[in-house]
N, C-alpha and C. Protein backbone atom coordinates (compact mmCIF):
# COMPACT_ATOMS: atom_id res chain seq x y z
N MET A 1 25.64 -4.24 -18.99
CA MET A 1 24.37 -4.01 -18.34
C MET A 1 23.43 -3.22 -19.26
N ALA A 2 23.34 -3.64 -20.48
CA ALA A 2 22.51 -2.94 -21.47
C ALA A 2 21.02 -3.13 -21.22
N ASP A 3 20.66 -4.14 -20.43
CA ASP A 3 19.24 -4.40 -20.21
C ASP A 3 18.67 -3.65 -19.01
N GLN A 4 19.44 -2.78 -18.39
CA GLN A 4 18.92 -1.99 -17.28
C GLN A 4 18.04 -0.87 -17.82
N LEU A 5 16.92 -0.67 -17.13
CA LEU A 5 15.97 0.36 -17.55
C LEU A 5 16.21 1.64 -16.77
N SER A 6 15.87 2.76 -17.37
CA SER A 6 15.96 4.03 -16.66
C SER A 6 14.85 4.11 -15.61
N VAL A 7 14.96 5.07 -14.73
CA VAL A 7 13.96 5.25 -13.68
C VAL A 7 12.60 5.53 -14.30
N LYS A 8 12.55 6.38 -15.32
CA LYS A 8 11.27 6.70 -15.96
C LYS A 8 10.65 5.47 -16.60
N GLN A 9 11.45 4.62 -17.22
CA GLN A 9 10.92 3.41 -17.85
C GLN A 9 10.36 2.46 -16.79
N ARG A 10 11.07 2.32 -15.68
CA ARG A 10 10.58 1.43 -14.61
C ARG A 10 9.29 1.96 -14.00
N MET A 11 9.18 3.28 -13.83
CA MET A 11 7.96 3.86 -13.28
C MET A 11 6.79 3.65 -14.24
N GLY A 12 7.05 3.80 -15.54
CA GLY A 12 6.01 3.58 -16.54
C GLY A 12 5.53 2.14 -16.54
N GLN A 13 6.42 1.20 -16.32
CA GLN A 13 6.03 -0.21 -16.26
C GLN A 13 5.17 -0.51 -15.04
N ARG A 14 5.37 0.21 -13.98
CA ARG A 14 4.60 0.01 -12.75
C ARG A 14 3.29 0.77 -12.74
N GLY A 15 3.02 1.52 -13.80
CA GLY A 15 1.77 2.27 -13.89
C GLY A 15 1.81 3.63 -13.24
N LEU A 16 2.98 4.09 -12.89
CA LEU A 16 3.12 5.39 -12.25
C LEU A 16 3.50 6.41 -13.31
N VAL A 17 2.48 7.00 -13.94
CA VAL A 17 2.69 7.98 -15.01
C VAL A 17 1.84 9.21 -14.76
N ARG A 18 2.24 10.32 -15.37
CA ARG A 18 1.46 11.56 -15.28
C ARG A 18 0.51 11.59 -16.47
N PRO A 19 -0.81 11.49 -16.22
CA PRO A 19 -1.76 11.49 -17.34
C PRO A 19 -1.82 12.85 -18.02
N ARG A 20 -2.24 12.84 -19.26
CA ARG A 20 -2.35 14.09 -20.01
C ARG A 20 -3.63 14.85 -19.69
N SER A 21 -4.63 14.17 -19.16
CA SER A 21 -5.89 14.83 -18.82
C SER A 21 -6.08 14.84 -17.31
N GLY A 22 -6.80 15.83 -16.81
CA GLY A 22 -7.09 15.92 -15.39
C GLY A 22 -6.00 16.61 -14.58
N ARG A 23 -5.02 17.16 -15.24
CA ARG A 23 -3.92 17.83 -14.53
C ARG A 23 -4.36 19.18 -14.00
N ILE A 24 -3.76 19.57 -12.90
CA ILE A 24 -3.91 20.95 -12.43
C ILE A 24 -2.57 21.66 -12.57
N VAL A 25 -1.50 21.08 -12.05
CA VAL A 25 -0.18 21.68 -12.23
C VAL A 25 0.63 20.80 -13.17
N ALA A 26 1.08 19.64 -12.70
CA ALA A 26 1.93 18.77 -13.53
C ALA A 26 1.36 17.38 -13.69
N GLY A 27 0.31 17.05 -12.95
CA GLY A 27 -0.30 15.73 -13.06
C GLY A 27 0.28 14.71 -12.10
N VAL A 28 1.17 15.13 -11.22
CA VAL A 28 1.80 14.20 -10.29
C VAL A 28 0.76 13.59 -9.35
N LEU A 29 -0.09 14.41 -8.78
CA LEU A 29 -1.06 13.90 -7.82
C LEU A 29 -2.12 13.03 -8.49
N VAL A 30 -2.51 13.36 -9.71
CA VAL A 30 -3.46 12.53 -10.45
C VAL A 30 -2.81 11.19 -10.78
N GLY A 31 -1.54 11.21 -11.15
CA GLY A 31 -0.83 9.97 -11.43
C GLY A 31 -0.73 9.08 -10.20
N LEU A 32 -0.46 9.68 -9.05
CA LEU A 32 -0.42 8.90 -7.80
C LEU A 32 -1.80 8.34 -7.46
N ALA A 33 -2.83 9.15 -7.65
CA ALA A 33 -4.19 8.69 -7.37
C ALA A 33 -4.56 7.52 -8.27
N ASN A 34 -4.24 7.62 -9.55
CA ASN A 34 -4.55 6.52 -10.47
C ASN A 34 -3.79 5.26 -10.11
N ARG A 35 -2.54 5.40 -9.74
CA ARG A 35 -1.70 4.23 -9.42
C ARG A 35 -2.22 3.49 -8.20
N PHE A 36 -2.67 4.23 -7.19
CA PHE A 36 -3.10 3.61 -5.95
C PHE A 36 -4.61 3.47 -5.83
N GLY A 37 -5.34 3.74 -6.90
CA GLY A 37 -6.79 3.52 -6.91
C GLY A 37 -7.58 4.48 -6.05
N MET A 38 -7.13 5.70 -5.95
CA MET A 38 -7.81 6.70 -5.14
C MET A 38 -8.40 7.77 -6.05
N ARG A 39 -9.29 8.56 -5.49
CA ARG A 39 -9.85 9.69 -6.24
C ARG A 39 -8.84 10.83 -6.20
N PRO A 40 -8.62 11.50 -7.34
CA PRO A 40 -7.65 12.61 -7.37
C PRO A 40 -7.95 13.72 -6.37
N ALA A 41 -9.22 13.98 -6.11
CA ALA A 41 -9.57 15.04 -5.15
C ALA A 41 -9.06 14.71 -3.76
N TRP A 42 -9.10 13.45 -3.36
CA TRP A 42 -8.61 13.05 -2.04
C TRP A 42 -7.10 13.19 -1.94
N VAL A 43 -6.40 12.82 -3.00
CA VAL A 43 -4.95 12.94 -2.99
C VAL A 43 -4.54 14.41 -2.94
N ARG A 44 -5.24 15.24 -3.68
CA ARG A 44 -4.96 16.68 -3.66
C ARG A 44 -5.22 17.26 -2.27
N LEU A 45 -6.32 16.84 -1.65
CA LEU A 45 -6.64 17.31 -0.30
C LEU A 45 -5.58 16.86 0.70
N LEU A 46 -5.16 15.61 0.61
CA LEU A 46 -4.11 15.12 1.51
C LEU A 46 -2.81 15.89 1.31
N PHE A 47 -2.48 16.19 0.06
CA PHE A 47 -1.26 16.96 -0.20
C PHE A 47 -1.37 18.36 0.40
N LEU A 48 -2.51 19.00 0.20
CA LEU A 48 -2.68 20.34 0.77
C LEU A 48 -2.62 20.33 2.29
N LEU A 49 -3.21 19.32 2.91
CA LEU A 49 -3.14 19.20 4.37
C LEU A 49 -1.71 18.93 4.83
N SER A 50 -0.97 18.16 4.04
CA SER A 50 0.42 17.87 4.41
C SER A 50 1.28 19.13 4.36
N MET A 51 0.85 20.11 3.59
CA MET A 51 1.60 21.35 3.50
C MET A 51 1.58 22.12 4.82
N LEU A 52 0.65 21.79 5.71
CA LEU A 52 0.60 22.44 7.01
C LEU A 52 1.69 21.91 7.94
N LEU A 53 2.24 20.75 7.62
CA LEU A 53 3.28 20.14 8.44
C LEU A 53 4.66 20.50 7.88
N PRO A 54 5.65 20.58 8.74
CA PRO A 54 6.99 20.84 8.22
C PRO A 54 7.51 19.60 7.49
N GLY A 55 8.21 19.84 6.41
CA GLY A 55 8.77 18.72 5.67
C GLY A 55 9.03 19.08 4.22
N PRO A 56 9.59 18.15 3.48
CA PRO A 56 9.99 18.42 2.09
C PRO A 56 8.92 18.08 1.06
N GLN A 57 7.67 18.44 1.31
CA GLN A 57 6.59 18.09 0.39
C GLN A 57 6.81 18.66 -1.00
N ILE A 58 7.19 19.91 -1.09
CA ILE A 58 7.39 20.55 -2.39
C ILE A 58 8.56 19.90 -3.13
N LEU A 59 9.62 19.57 -2.41
CA LEU A 59 10.76 18.91 -3.05
C LEU A 59 10.37 17.54 -3.57
N ALA A 60 9.56 16.81 -2.82
CA ALA A 60 9.09 15.49 -3.27
C ALA A 60 8.23 15.64 -4.51
N TYR A 61 7.36 16.65 -4.54
CA TYR A 61 6.50 16.89 -5.70
C TYR A 61 7.34 17.20 -6.93
N VAL A 62 8.33 18.08 -6.78
CA VAL A 62 9.18 18.46 -7.91
C VAL A 62 10.00 17.25 -8.38
N ALA A 63 10.50 16.44 -7.45
CA ALA A 63 11.27 15.26 -7.82
C ALA A 63 10.39 14.28 -8.61
N LEU A 64 9.15 14.08 -8.16
CA LEU A 64 8.24 13.19 -8.90
C LEU A 64 7.88 13.78 -10.26
N TRP A 65 7.76 15.08 -10.35
CA TRP A 65 7.47 15.77 -11.61
C TRP A 65 8.59 15.47 -12.62
N ILE A 66 9.82 15.49 -12.14
CA ILE A 66 10.96 15.24 -13.02
C ILE A 66 11.06 13.77 -13.39
N VAL A 67 10.81 12.89 -12.45
CA VAL A 67 11.06 11.45 -12.65
C VAL A 67 9.89 10.73 -13.31
N MET A 68 8.64 11.13 -13.00
CA MET A 68 7.48 10.42 -13.55
C MET A 68 7.32 10.72 -15.05
N PRO A 69 7.18 9.67 -15.87
CA PRO A 69 7.00 9.91 -17.31
C PRO A 69 5.58 10.35 -17.62
N ASN A 70 5.43 11.05 -18.75
CA ASN A 70 4.10 11.38 -19.26
C ASN A 70 3.43 10.13 -19.77
N GLU A 71 2.12 10.16 -19.80
CA GLU A 71 1.34 9.04 -20.30
C GLU A 71 1.55 8.86 -21.80
């Protein structure tokens, strides 16, 4: 199975990468905004609003930070 790609390589092929510009912390939210065609400010606002709800938002952010490749 030498032709299997790593998770980071597959994410890069799908356009889910952390850009080098426009970052505030790690670029995860900017990368998500770019991938889904949204404005980064809206994604950041949605993330901040989601922090008011109980759930694993920070864990998801850290996991994406680790898994998403740099541009």
